[in-house]
């Protein structure tokens, strides 16, 4: 299957991908690391289903919802512990099913692509290199730290770097934050519920939802 001339993706000149949860299948790894941290503190563990129903940005709020007390341990310390373990175990992750094929088909169709992530930029670049994806993307936009705050400002800068009319740019992500970012950037958005938030939450936010990469290419 190719990106046919009738496919709505053809209207776009540039596609911006979210990384974690959208292209990289890392939600289960994140839950596993969180459970290690919760167990260490004698706190109740979580599940992937619970995670996808509660996880949100900024990540500090999610940690609070799990019961982490920032008056006892700073957010910086907790986030640092998570990131350290994540960087150690990231190699266990795989790309989402169909992600690589889709990226290749979009490139073959002559549509440019970039990555916009709440990950720290150096870590993001290293991850793309590890999966041999760097050559597919024109721009790699990440945050200046590991704390997963909003990526709106980074997204707006990326928009300027791309230099294409907003109506010709599409953001593809896996969270309601991706939709919020797209709204702030003035570009279209499609969400795929295979990552860090549930299908129910994505549908409720009003974004267009496609259920797989195959569906994305076919619609």
N, C-alpha and C. Protein backbone atom coordinates (compact mmCIF):
# COMPACT_ATOMS: atom_id res chain seq x y z
N UNK A 1 0.84 -1.19 0.00
CA UNK A 1 0.00 0.00 0.00
C UNK A 1 0.88 1.24 0.00
N UNK A 2 0.51 2.23 -0.80
CA UNK A 2 1.24 3.48 -0.85
C UNK A 2 0.31 4.62 -0.42
N UNK A 3 0.90 5.81 -0.31
CA UNK A 3 0.08 6.98 -0.03
C UNK A 3 -0.52 7.43 -1.35
N UNK A 4 -1.76 7.04 -1.61
CA UNK A 4 -2.39 7.29 -2.90
C UNK A 4 -2.65 8.77 -3.11
N UNK A 5 -2.87 9.14 -4.36
CA UNK A 5 -3.11 10.54 -4.71
C UNK A 5 -4.40 11.07 -4.09
N UNK A 6 -5.31 10.15 -3.72
CA UNK A 6 -6.57 10.56 -3.12
C UNK A 6 -6.51 10.62 -1.59
N UNK A 7 -5.40 10.17 -1.01
CA UNK A 7 -5.28 10.16 0.45
C UNK A 7 -5.18 11.59 0.97
N UNK A 8 -5.93 11.90 2.06
CA UNK A 8 -5.87 13.26 2.63
C UNK A 8 -4.47 13.70 3.05
N UNK A 9 -3.57 12.75 3.33
CA UNK A 9 -2.21 13.13 3.70
C UNK A 9 -1.52 13.89 2.57
N UNK A 10 -1.98 13.68 1.35
CA UNK A 10 -1.36 14.33 0.19
C UNK A 10 -1.52 15.84 0.20
N UNK A 11 -2.46 16.35 0.98
CA UNK A 11 -2.66 17.80 1.03
C UNK A 11 -1.55 18.50 1.82
N UNK A 12 -0.78 17.68 2.58
CA UNK A 12 0.25 18.26 3.44
C UNK A 12 1.63 18.21 2.79
N UNK A 13 2.43 19.23 3.07
CA UNK A 13 3.81 19.27 2.61
C UNK A 13 4.78 18.82 3.69
N UNK A 14 4.31 18.83 4.94
CA UNK A 14 5.20 18.47 6.05
C UNK A 14 4.39 17.79 7.15
N UNK A 15 4.90 16.67 7.63
CA UNK A 15 4.27 15.96 8.74
C UNK A 15 5.21 16.00 9.94
N UNK A 16 4.67 16.41 11.09
CA UNK A 16 5.43 16.44 12.34
C UNK A 16 4.98 15.27 13.20
N UNK A 17 5.94 14.44 13.58
CA UNK A 17 5.64 13.28 14.42
C UNK A 17 5.99 13.54 15.88
N UNK A 18 5.12 13.16 16.78
CA UNK A 18 5.52 12.99 18.17
C UNK A 18 6.39 11.72 18.23
N UNK A 19 7.23 11.60 19.24
CA UNK A 19 8.13 10.46 19.34
C UNK A 19 7.63 9.40 20.33
N UNK A 20 7.64 9.72 21.61
CA UNK A 20 7.28 8.74 22.65
C UNK A 20 5.81 8.36 22.56
N UNK A 21 5.57 7.08 22.37
CA UNK A 21 4.20 6.59 22.31
C UNK A 21 3.60 6.61 20.92
N UNK A 22 4.10 7.49 20.06
CA UNK A 22 3.58 7.57 18.69
C UNK A 22 4.43 6.73 17.75
N UNK A 23 5.69 7.06 17.63
CA UNK A 23 6.60 6.24 16.83
C UNK A 23 7.27 5.16 17.68
N UNK A 24 7.63 5.52 18.92
CA UNK A 24 8.30 4.57 19.82
C UNK A 24 7.29 3.95 20.79
N UNK A 25 7.27 2.65 20.83
CA UNK A 25 6.35 1.91 21.71
C UNK A 25 6.99 1.78 23.10
N UNK A 26 6.82 2.81 23.92
CA UNK A 26 7.53 2.83 25.20
C UNK A 26 6.61 2.99 26.42
N UNK A 27 5.30 2.93 26.23
CA UNK A 27 4.39 3.12 27.37
C UNK A 27 4.57 2.03 28.42
N UNK A 28 4.70 0.78 28.00
CA UNK A 28 4.86 -0.31 28.96
C UNK A 28 6.17 -0.17 29.73
N UNK A 29 7.23 0.28 29.07
CA UNK A 29 8.49 0.51 29.76
C UNK A 29 8.31 1.59 30.83
N UNK A 30 7.61 2.66 30.49
CA UNK A 30 7.38 3.74 31.45
C UNK A 30 6.62 3.24 32.67
N UNK A 31 5.59 2.41 32.45
CA UNK A 31 4.82 1.86 33.57
C UNK A 31 5.71 0.97 34.43
N UNK A 32 6.55 0.17 33.79
CA UNK A 32 7.46 -0.70 34.54
C UNK A 32 8.41 0.08 35.43
N UNK A 33 8.97 1.16 34.91
CA UNK A 33 9.89 1.98 35.69
C UNK A 33 9.15 2.68 36.83
N UNK A 34 7.97 3.19 36.54
CA UNK A 34 7.17 3.82 37.58
C UNK A 34 6.86 2.85 38.71
N UNK A 35 6.55 1.61 38.35
CA UNK A 35 6.24 0.61 39.38
C UNK A 35 7.46 0.28 40.23
N UNK A 36 8.65 0.29 39.63
CA UNK A 36 9.88 0.11 40.41
C UNK A 36 10.02 1.24 41.42
N UNK A 37 9.74 2.45 40.98
CA UNK A 37 9.87 3.61 41.86
C UNK A 37 8.81 3.59 42.95
N UNK A 38 7.59 3.18 42.61
CA UNK A 38 6.51 3.11 43.58
C UNK A 38 6.78 2.03 44.63
N UNK A 39 7.25 0.88 44.17
CA UNK A 39 7.56 -0.22 45.09
C UNK A 39 8.67 0.18 46.05
N UNK A 40 9.66 0.87 45.56
CA UNK A 40 10.78 1.34 46.38
C UNK A 40 10.29 2.22 47.52
N UNK A 41 9.19 2.94 47.28
CA UNK A 41 8.65 3.86 48.28
C UNK A 41 7.45 3.27 49.01
N UNK A 42 7.22 1.97 48.81
CA UNK A 42 6.09 1.27 49.45
C UNK A 42 4.76 1.92 49.10
N UNK A 43 4.61 2.28 47.84
CA UNK A 43 3.38 2.88 47.32
C UNK A 43 2.71 1.89 46.38
N UNK A 44 1.43 2.09 46.15
CA UNK A 44 0.66 1.18 45.29
C UNK A 44 1.13 1.27 43.84
N UNK A 45 1.22 0.13 43.19
CA UNK A 45 1.63 0.09 41.79
C UNK A 45 0.48 0.52 40.88
N UNK A 46 0.81 0.76 39.64
CA UNK A 46 -0.18 1.13 38.64
C UNK A 46 -0.18 0.09 37.52
N UNK A 47 -1.10 0.21 36.59
CA UNK A 47 -1.17 -0.68 35.43
C UNK A 47 -1.13 0.17 34.17
N UNK A 48 -0.92 -0.48 33.04
CA UNK A 48 -0.90 0.25 31.77
C UNK A 48 -2.24 0.92 31.52
N UNK A 49 -3.32 0.21 31.82
CA UNK A 49 -4.66 0.77 31.60
C UNK A 49 -4.88 2.01 32.46
N UNK A 50 -4.49 1.92 33.75
CA UNK A 50 -4.62 3.07 34.65
C UNK A 50 -3.74 4.23 34.16
N UNK A 51 -2.53 3.90 33.76
CA UNK A 51 -1.59 4.90 33.26
C UNK A 51 -2.18 5.66 32.09
N UNK A 52 -2.75 4.94 31.12
CA UNK A 52 -3.29 5.59 29.93
C UNK A 52 -4.52 6.44 30.23
N UNK A 53 -5.17 6.18 31.35
CA UNK A 53 -6.33 6.97 31.75
C UNK A 53 -5.95 8.21 32.56
N UNK A 54 -4.75 8.22 33.14
CA UNK A 54 -4.37 9.30 34.05
C UNK A 54 -3.20 10.14 33.55
N UNK A 55 -2.27 9.54 32.82
CA UNK A 55 -1.06 10.24 32.40
C UNK A 55 -1.39 11.53 31.65
N UNK A 56 -0.62 12.59 31.95
CA UNK A 56 -0.87 13.87 31.29
C UNK A 56 0.35 14.75 31.40
N UNK A 57 0.28 15.89 30.76
CA UNK A 57 1.32 16.91 30.83
C UNK A 57 0.77 18.12 31.58
N UNK A 58 1.60 18.82 32.35
CA UNK A 58 2.99 18.50 32.65
C UNK A 58 3.09 17.25 33.51
N UNK A 59 4.18 16.51 33.33
CA UNK A 59 4.35 15.22 33.99
C UNK A 59 4.36 15.34 35.51
N UNK A 60 4.75 16.49 36.01
CA UNK A 60 4.77 16.69 37.48
C UNK A 60 3.39 16.43 38.07
N UNK A 61 2.34 16.84 37.37
CA UNK A 61 0.98 16.63 37.87
C UNK A 61 0.64 15.15 37.92
N UNK A 62 1.14 14.39 36.94
CA UNK A 62 0.89 12.95 36.94
C UNK A 62 1.57 12.29 38.13
N UNK A 63 2.80 12.68 38.42
CA UNK A 63 3.50 12.12 39.58
C UNK A 63 2.71 12.39 40.87
N UNK A 64 2.16 13.59 40.98
CA UNK A 64 1.35 13.92 42.16
C UNK A 64 0.14 13.00 42.26
N UNK A 65 -0.50 12.71 41.12
CA UNK A 65 -1.69 11.86 41.13
C UNK A 65 -1.36 10.44 41.57
N UNK A 66 -0.11 10.02 41.39
CA UNK A 66 0.32 8.69 41.84
C UNK A 66 0.60 8.67 43.35
N UNK A 67 0.76 9.85 43.94
CA UNK A 67 1.01 9.93 45.37
C UNK A 67 2.39 10.42 45.75
N UNK A 68 3.22 10.78 44.77
CA UNK A 68 4.54 11.33 45.10
C UNK A 68 4.36 12.67 45.81
N UNK A 69 5.11 12.86 46.87
CA UNK A 69 5.00 14.05 47.70
C UNK A 69 6.24 14.92 47.49
N UNK A 70 6.08 16.02 46.78
CA UNK A 70 7.22 16.87 46.45
C UNK A 70 7.75 17.63 47.66
N UNK A 71 7.03 17.60 48.77
CA UNK A 71 7.56 18.21 49.99
C UNK A 71 8.58 17.30 50.66
N UNK A 72 8.55 16.01 50.28
CA UNK A 72 9.50 15.05 50.82
C UNK A 72 10.64 14.77 49.83
N UNK A 73 10.28 14.71 48.57
CA UNK A 73 11.27 14.51 47.49
C UNK A 73 10.94 15.49 46.38
N UNK A 74 11.93 16.21 45.92
CA UNK A 74 11.68 17.21 44.88
C UNK A 74 11.29 16.53 43.56
N UNK A 75 10.56 17.27 42.75
CA UNK A 75 10.22 16.77 41.42
C UNK A 75 11.48 16.50 40.61
N UNK A 76 12.47 17.37 40.75
CA UNK A 76 13.73 17.18 40.02
C UNK A 76 14.36 15.83 40.36
N UNK A 77 14.35 15.46 41.63
CA UNK A 77 14.94 14.20 42.06
C UNK A 77 14.14 13.02 41.50
N UNK A 78 12.83 13.09 41.59
CA UNK A 78 11.97 12.00 41.11
C UNK A 78 12.08 11.86 39.59
N UNK A 79 12.00 12.98 38.89
CA UNK A 79 12.11 12.94 37.43
C UNK A 79 13.47 12.44 37.00
N UNK A 80 14.51 12.85 37.73
CA UNK A 80 15.86 12.40 37.41
C UNK A 80 16.01 10.90 37.57
N UNK A 81 15.39 10.36 38.61
CA UNK A 81 15.43 8.91 38.84
C UNK A 81 14.75 8.17 37.69
N UNK A 82 13.60 8.69 37.27
CA UNK A 82 12.88 8.05 36.16
C UNK A 82 13.70 8.10 34.87
N UNK A 83 14.22 9.27 34.55
CA UNK A 83 14.95 9.43 33.29
C UNK A 83 16.20 8.57 33.26
N UNK A 84 16.91 8.50 34.39
CA UNK A 84 18.11 7.67 34.45
C UNK A 84 17.80 6.22 34.12
N UNK A 85 16.72 5.70 34.70
CA UNK A 85 16.34 4.32 34.43
C UNK A 85 15.82 4.15 33.01
N UNK A 86 15.07 5.15 32.53
CA UNK A 86 14.54 5.10 31.17
C UNK A 86 15.67 5.05 30.15
N UNK A 87 16.67 5.89 30.32
CA UNK A 87 17.79 5.90 29.39
C UNK A 87 18.54 4.57 29.40
N UNK A 88 18.61 3.94 30.57
CA UNK A 88 19.27 2.64 30.69
C UNK A 88 18.50 1.56 29.95
N UNK A 89 17.17 1.61 30.02
CA UNK A 89 16.34 0.53 29.49
C UNK A 89 15.70 0.84 28.13
N UNK A 90 15.92 2.01 27.59
CA UNK A 90 15.26 2.42 26.35
C UNK A 90 15.48 1.44 25.20
N UNK A 91 16.65 0.80 25.19
CA UNK A 91 16.97 -0.14 24.12
C UNK A 91 16.05 -1.34 24.06
N UNK A 92 15.26 -1.56 25.11
CA UNK A 92 14.30 -2.67 25.12
C UNK A 92 13.09 -2.37 24.24
N UNK A 93 12.87 -1.10 23.95
CA UNK A 93 11.68 -0.69 23.21
C UNK A 93 11.83 -0.96 21.71
N UNK A 94 10.69 -1.07 21.07
CA UNK A 94 10.64 -1.20 19.62
C UNK A 94 9.78 -0.07 19.06
N UNK A 95 9.88 0.14 17.76
CA UNK A 95 8.98 1.09 17.12
C UNK A 95 7.57 0.51 17.10
N UNK A 96 6.58 1.38 17.07
CA UNK A 96 5.20 0.92 16.95
C UNK A 96 5.04 0.13 15.65
N UNK A 97 4.16 -0.87 15.69
CA UNK A 97 3.91 -1.68 14.50
C UNK A 97 3.45 -0.79 13.34
N UNK A 98 4.15 -0.89 12.24
CA UNK A 98 3.80 -0.12 11.05
C UNK A 98 4.42 1.25 10.97
N UNK A 99 5.12 1.68 12.03
CA UNK A 99 5.68 3.04 12.05
C UNK A 99 6.73 3.24 10.97
N UNK A 100 7.70 2.35 10.90
CA UNK A 100 8.79 2.51 9.94
C UNK A 100 8.27 2.46 8.50
N UNK A 101 7.39 1.52 8.22
CA UNK A 101 6.82 1.41 6.89
C UNK A 101 6.09 2.69 6.50
N UNK A 102 5.35 3.25 7.44
CA UNK A 102 4.60 4.48 7.18
C UNK A 102 5.53 5.65 6.91
N UNK A 103 6.58 5.78 7.72
CA UNK A 103 7.55 6.86 7.52
C UNK A 103 8.17 6.76 6.13
N UNK A 104 8.52 5.55 5.73
CA UNK A 104 9.14 5.34 4.41
C UNK A 104 8.18 5.69 3.29
N UNK A 105 6.91 5.33 3.43
CA UNK A 105 5.92 5.62 2.39
C UNK A 105 5.65 7.11 2.28
N UNK A 106 5.63 7.79 3.40
CA UNK A 106 5.41 9.23 3.38
C UNK A 106 6.60 9.93 2.72
N UNK A 107 7.80 9.47 3.02
CA UNK A 107 8.99 10.05 2.38
C UNK A 107 8.96 9.80 0.88
N UNK A 108 8.58 8.59 0.49
CA UNK A 108 8.51 8.25 -0.93
C UNK A 108 7.47 9.09 -1.66
N UNK A 109 6.46 9.56 -0.93
CA UNK A 109 5.43 10.40 -1.52
C UNK A 109 5.88 11.85 -1.68
N UNK A 110 7.09 12.16 -1.19
CA UNK A 110 7.63 13.50 -1.32
C UNK A 110 7.19 14.46 -0.24
N UNK A 111 6.63 13.92 0.84
CA UNK A 111 6.20 14.75 1.97
C UNK A 111 7.33 14.79 3.00
N UNK A 112 7.73 15.98 3.42
CA UNK A 112 8.80 16.12 4.40
C UNK A 112 8.29 15.78 5.79
N UNK A 113 9.22 15.40 6.70
CA UNK A 113 8.84 14.97 8.03
C UNK A 113 9.82 15.51 9.08
N UNK A 114 9.30 15.77 10.28
CA UNK A 114 10.11 16.19 11.42
C UNK A 114 9.58 15.53 12.68
N UNK A 115 10.34 15.65 13.76
CA UNK A 115 9.93 15.10 15.06
C UNK A 115 9.84 16.23 16.07
N UNK A 116 8.75 16.24 16.85
CA UNK A 116 8.56 17.19 17.94
C UNK A 116 8.25 16.40 19.20
N UNK A 117 9.10 16.54 20.22
CA UNK A 117 8.97 15.69 21.40
C UNK A 117 9.15 16.48 22.69
N UNK A 118 8.50 15.98 23.76
CA UNK A 118 8.73 16.53 25.10
C UNK A 118 9.98 15.94 25.73
N UNK A 119 10.69 15.09 25.00
CA UNK A 119 11.97 14.54 25.48
C UNK A 119 13.06 15.60 25.37
N UNK A 120 14.10 15.43 26.16
CA UNK A 120 15.28 16.29 26.06
C UNK A 120 15.92 16.07 24.69
N UNK A 121 16.32 17.13 24.02
CA UNK A 121 16.70 17.06 22.61
C UNK A 121 17.88 16.11 22.36
N UNK A 122 18.91 16.16 23.20
CA UNK A 122 20.07 15.29 22.98
C UNK A 122 19.67 13.82 23.09
N UNK A 123 18.80 13.52 24.05
CA UNK A 123 18.31 12.16 24.22
C UNK A 123 17.48 11.74 23.01
N UNK A 124 16.67 12.66 22.50
CA UNK A 124 15.85 12.38 21.32
C UNK A 124 16.71 12.08 20.10
N UNK A 125 17.73 12.88 19.89
CA UNK A 125 18.64 12.66 18.76
C UNK A 125 19.31 11.30 18.87
N UNK A 126 19.74 10.94 20.09
CA UNK A 126 20.39 9.65 20.30
C UNK A 126 19.43 8.50 20.00
N UNK A 127 18.17 8.67 20.39
CA UNK A 127 17.17 7.62 20.14
C UNK A 127 16.93 7.45 18.65
N UNK A 128 16.80 8.54 17.92
CA UNK A 128 16.59 8.45 16.47
C UNK A 128 17.77 7.78 15.78
N UNK A 129 18.97 8.09 16.26
CA UNK A 129 20.16 7.45 15.70
C UNK A 129 20.18 5.95 16.00
N UNK A 130 19.77 5.59 17.21
CA UNK A 130 19.75 4.18 17.60
C UNK A 130 18.83 3.36 16.71
N UNK A 131 17.70 3.96 16.32
CA UNK A 131 16.74 3.28 15.47
C UNK A 131 16.97 3.56 13.98
N UNK A 132 18.06 4.24 13.67
CA UNK A 132 18.46 4.55 12.30
C UNK A 132 17.36 5.31 11.55
N UNK A 133 16.81 6.32 12.22
CA UNK A 133 15.72 7.11 11.65
C UNK A 133 16.12 8.54 11.30
N UNK A 134 17.29 8.96 11.69
CA UNK A 134 17.68 10.37 11.57
C UNK A 134 17.50 10.91 10.15
N UNK A 135 17.82 10.10 9.15
CA UNK A 135 17.79 10.57 7.77
C UNK A 135 16.39 10.83 7.24
N UNK A 136 15.38 10.38 7.97
CA UNK A 136 14.01 10.57 7.51
C UNK A 136 13.46 11.95 7.89
N UNK A 137 14.13 12.65 8.82
CA UNK A 137 13.53 13.84 9.40
C UNK A 137 14.35 15.10 9.10
N UNK A 138 13.64 16.16 8.72
CA UNK A 138 14.27 17.44 8.41
C UNK A 138 14.69 18.17 9.68
N UNK A 139 13.86 18.09 10.70
CA UNK A 139 14.13 18.78 11.96
C UNK A 139 13.84 17.85 13.14
N UNK A 140 14.63 17.99 14.19
CA UNK A 140 14.42 17.24 15.43
C UNK A 140 14.28 18.24 16.57
N UNK A 141 13.05 18.39 17.07
CA UNK A 141 12.76 19.41 18.06
C UNK A 141 12.41 18.77 19.40
N UNK A 142 13.23 19.05 20.43
CA UNK A 142 12.98 18.54 21.76
C UNK A 142 13.19 19.65 22.78
N UNK A 143 12.97 19.32 24.06
CA UNK A 143 13.11 20.31 25.13
C UNK A 143 14.57 20.45 25.56
N UNK A 144 14.82 21.44 26.37
CA UNK A 144 16.18 21.69 26.86
C UNK A 144 16.50 20.92 28.13
N UNK A 145 15.48 20.23 28.68
CA UNK A 145 15.71 19.45 29.89
C UNK A 145 14.86 18.19 29.84
N UNK A 146 14.92 17.39 30.91
CA UNK A 146 14.23 16.11 30.95
C UNK A 146 12.86 16.16 31.64
N UNK A 147 12.34 17.35 31.89
CA UNK A 147 11.20 17.44 32.79
C UNK A 147 9.83 17.39 32.12
N UNK A 148 9.80 17.21 30.80
CA UNK A 148 8.55 16.97 30.06
C UNK A 148 7.47 18.00 30.35
N UNK A 149 7.86 19.28 30.27
CA UNK A 149 6.87 20.35 30.35
C UNK A 149 6.17 20.45 29.00
N UNK A 150 5.36 21.44 28.82
CA UNK A 150 4.67 21.66 27.55
C UNK A 150 5.67 21.88 26.41
N UNK A 151 5.32 21.38 25.24
CA UNK A 151 6.19 21.56 24.08
C UNK A 151 5.62 22.59 23.10
N UNK A 152 4.73 23.47 23.59
CA UNK A 152 4.12 24.48 22.73
C UNK A 152 5.18 25.43 22.16
N UNK A 153 6.05 25.96 23.01
CA UNK A 153 7.05 26.92 22.54
C UNK A 153 8.01 26.29 21.55
N UNK A 154 8.42 25.06 21.83
CA UNK A 154 9.31 24.34 20.91
C UNK A 154 8.60 24.10 19.59
N UNK A 155 7.30 23.80 19.66
CA UNK A 155 6.52 23.57 18.45
C UNK A 155 6.41 24.82 17.60
N UNK A 156 6.22 25.95 18.24
CA UNK A 156 6.11 27.21 17.49
C UNK A 156 7.44 27.55 16.81
N UNK A 157 8.55 27.28 17.50
CA UNK A 157 9.86 27.51 16.88
C UNK A 157 10.05 26.57 15.69
N UNK A 158 9.62 25.32 15.86
CA UNK A 158 9.73 24.35 14.77
C UNK A 158 8.93 24.83 13.56
N UNK A 159 7.77 25.39 13.81
CA UNK A 159 6.93 25.90 12.73
C UNK A 159 7.69 26.95 11.92
N UNK A 160 8.40 27.83 12.61
CA UNK A 160 9.20 28.84 11.92
C UNK A 160 10.34 28.20 11.14
N UNK A 161 10.97 27.18 11.73
CA UNK A 161 12.08 26.51 11.05
C UNK A 161 11.61 25.80 9.78
N UNK A 162 10.42 25.22 9.84
CA UNK A 162 9.89 24.50 8.67
C UNK A 162 9.60 25.48 7.54
N UNK A 163 9.00 26.62 7.87
CA UNK A 163 8.77 27.66 6.87
C UNK A 163 7.70 27.34 5.85
N UNK A 164 6.76 26.48 6.20
CA UNK A 164 5.66 26.10 5.32
C UNK A 164 4.35 26.62 5.91
N UNK A 165 3.40 26.95 5.08
CA UNK A 165 2.11 27.45 5.56
C UNK A 165 1.50 26.45 6.54
N UNK A 166 0.99 26.91 7.68
CA UNK A 166 0.44 26.01 8.70
C UNK A 166 -0.61 25.04 8.15
N UNK A 167 -1.42 25.47 7.19
CA UNK A 167 -2.46 24.59 6.65
C UNK A 167 -1.88 23.41 5.85
N UNK A 168 -0.58 23.47 5.60
CA UNK A 168 0.08 22.38 4.86
C UNK A 168 0.89 21.48 5.79
N UNK A 169 0.68 21.63 7.11
CA UNK A 169 1.44 20.86 8.08
C UNK A 169 0.49 20.05 8.96
N UNK A 170 0.84 18.80 9.21
CA UNK A 170 0.03 17.90 10.05
C UNK A 170 0.88 17.36 11.20
N UNK A 171 0.33 17.40 12.41
CA UNK A 171 0.97 16.80 13.58
C UNK A 171 0.31 15.46 13.89
N UNK A 172 1.11 14.42 14.06
CA UNK A 172 0.59 13.10 14.41
C UNK A 172 1.13 12.74 15.79
N UNK A 173 0.23 12.47 16.75
CA UNK A 173 0.65 12.17 18.11
C UNK A 173 -0.21 11.11 18.77
N UNK A 174 -0.04 10.99 20.09
CA UNK A 174 -0.75 9.94 20.84
C UNK A 174 -1.39 10.46 22.12
N UNK A 175 -1.36 11.79 22.34
CA UNK A 175 -1.91 12.35 23.57
C UNK A 175 -2.74 13.59 23.28
N UNK A 176 -3.58 13.96 24.25
CA UNK A 176 -4.35 15.19 24.12
C UNK A 176 -3.44 16.41 24.10
N UNK A 177 -2.27 16.29 24.71
CA UNK A 177 -1.31 17.40 24.67
C UNK A 177 -0.85 17.67 23.24
N UNK A 178 -0.68 16.60 22.46
CA UNK A 178 -0.31 16.79 21.05
C UNK A 178 -1.38 17.59 20.33
N UNK A 179 -2.64 17.30 20.63
CA UNK A 179 -3.75 18.05 20.03
C UNK A 179 -3.71 19.50 20.48
N UNK A 180 -3.48 19.73 21.78
CA UNK A 180 -3.39 21.09 22.31
C UNK A 180 -2.25 21.86 21.65
N UNK A 181 -1.12 21.18 21.46
CA UNK A 181 0.03 21.82 20.81
C UNK A 181 -0.32 22.19 19.37
N UNK A 182 -0.98 21.30 18.67
CA UNK A 182 -1.36 21.57 17.28
C UNK A 182 -2.29 22.78 17.20
N UNK A 183 -3.18 22.90 18.17
CA UNK A 183 -4.10 24.04 18.20
C UNK A 183 -3.33 25.34 18.38
N UNK A 184 -2.35 25.33 19.27
CA UNK A 184 -1.53 26.51 19.51
C UNK A 184 -0.67 26.86 18.29
N UNK A 185 -0.28 25.84 17.55
CA UNK A 185 0.54 26.05 16.35
C UNK A 185 -0.30 26.41 15.14
N UNK A 186 -1.61 26.17 15.22
CA UNK A 186 -2.49 26.46 14.09
C UNK A 186 -2.40 25.46 12.97
N UNK A 187 -2.12 24.18 13.33
CA UNK A 187 -2.00 23.14 12.32
C UNK A 187 -2.95 21.98 12.62
N UNK A 188 -3.17 21.14 11.63
CA UNK A 188 -4.05 19.98 11.80
C UNK A 188 -3.37 18.91 12.65
N UNK A 189 -4.19 17.99 13.18
CA UNK A 189 -3.67 16.94 14.06
C UNK A 189 -4.45 15.65 13.88
N UNK A 190 -3.74 14.55 13.91
CA UNK A 190 -4.33 13.21 13.96
C UNK A 190 -3.69 12.47 15.13
N UNK A 191 -4.50 11.80 15.94
CA UNK A 191 -3.99 11.04 17.09
C UNK A 191 -4.17 9.55 16.86
N UNK A 192 -3.20 8.76 17.36
CA UNK A 192 -3.25 7.30 17.27
C UNK A 192 -3.20 6.75 18.70
N UNK A 193 -4.24 6.03 19.14
CA UNK A 193 -4.30 5.56 20.54
C UNK A 193 -3.53 4.26 20.78
N UNK A 194 -2.22 4.34 20.62
CA UNK A 194 -1.40 3.15 20.85
C UNK A 194 -0.29 3.44 21.85
N UNK A 195 -0.34 4.63 22.47
CA UNK A 195 0.76 5.04 23.31
C UNK A 195 0.39 5.35 24.74
N UNK A 196 0.48 6.63 25.11
CA UNK A 196 0.43 7.01 26.52
C UNK A 196 -0.95 7.44 27.03
N UNK A 197 -1.93 7.51 26.15
CA UNK A 197 -3.29 7.82 26.60
C UNK A 197 -4.30 6.94 25.88
N UNK A 198 -5.42 6.72 26.54
CA UNK A 198 -6.43 5.79 26.03
C UNK A 198 -7.21 6.36 24.84
N UNK A 199 -7.81 5.46 24.10
CA UNK A 199 -8.65 5.85 22.97
C UNK A 199 -9.79 6.76 23.45
N UNK A 200 -10.37 6.44 24.60
CA UNK A 200 -11.48 7.24 25.13
C UNK A 200 -11.07 8.69 25.30
N UNK A 201 -9.90 8.93 25.87
CA UNK A 201 -9.45 10.29 26.12
C UNK A 201 -9.16 11.03 24.82
N UNK A 202 -8.59 10.34 23.85
CA UNK A 202 -8.28 10.98 22.58
C UNK A 202 -9.55 11.37 21.85
N UNK A 203 -10.52 10.48 21.84
CA UNK A 203 -11.79 10.78 21.18
C UNK A 203 -12.50 11.95 21.86
N UNK A 204 -12.40 12.01 23.19
CA UNK A 204 -13.11 13.03 23.96
C UNK A 204 -12.56 14.44 23.72
N UNK A 205 -11.31 14.55 23.29
CA UNK A 205 -10.71 15.88 23.13
C UNK A 205 -11.11 16.54 21.82
N UNK A 206 -11.72 15.78 20.92
CA UNK A 206 -12.20 16.37 19.68
C UNK A 206 -11.26 16.25 18.50
N UNK A 207 -10.13 15.60 18.69
CA UNK A 207 -9.17 15.44 17.59
C UNK A 207 -9.60 14.32 16.65
N UNK A 208 -9.05 14.34 15.44
CA UNK A 208 -9.24 13.22 14.53
C UNK A 208 -8.42 12.04 15.08
N UNK A 209 -9.02 10.86 15.10
CA UNK A 209 -8.34 9.68 15.63
C UNK A 209 -8.30 8.60 14.56
N UNK A 210 -7.11 8.03 14.36
CA UNK A 210 -6.94 6.87 13.48
C UNK A 210 -6.34 5.76 14.34
N UNK A 211 -6.77 4.52 14.11
CA UNK A 211 -6.50 3.46 15.08
C UNK A 211 -5.22 2.66 14.82
N UNK A 212 -4.54 2.93 13.72
CA UNK A 212 -3.28 2.24 13.43
C UNK A 212 -2.56 3.02 12.34
N UNK A 213 -1.33 2.67 12.10
CA UNK A 213 -0.59 3.30 11.01
C UNK A 213 -1.18 2.90 9.67
N UNK A 214 -1.67 1.67 9.56
CA UNK A 214 -2.32 1.23 8.34
C UNK A 214 -3.56 2.08 8.06
N UNK A 215 -4.31 2.35 9.12
CA UNK A 215 -5.50 3.19 9.00
C UNK A 215 -5.12 4.61 8.58
N UNK A 216 -4.00 5.09 9.10
CA UNK A 216 -3.53 6.43 8.76
C UNK A 216 -3.22 6.55 7.28
N UNK A 217 -2.54 5.56 6.74
CA UNK A 217 -2.19 5.57 5.33
C UNK A 217 -3.41 5.37 4.44
N UNK A 218 -4.37 4.59 4.94
CA UNK A 218 -5.51 4.21 4.11
C UNK A 218 -6.62 5.25 4.08
N UNK A 219 -6.70 6.10 5.13
CA UNK A 219 -7.91 6.94 5.24
C UNK A 219 -7.92 8.05 4.20
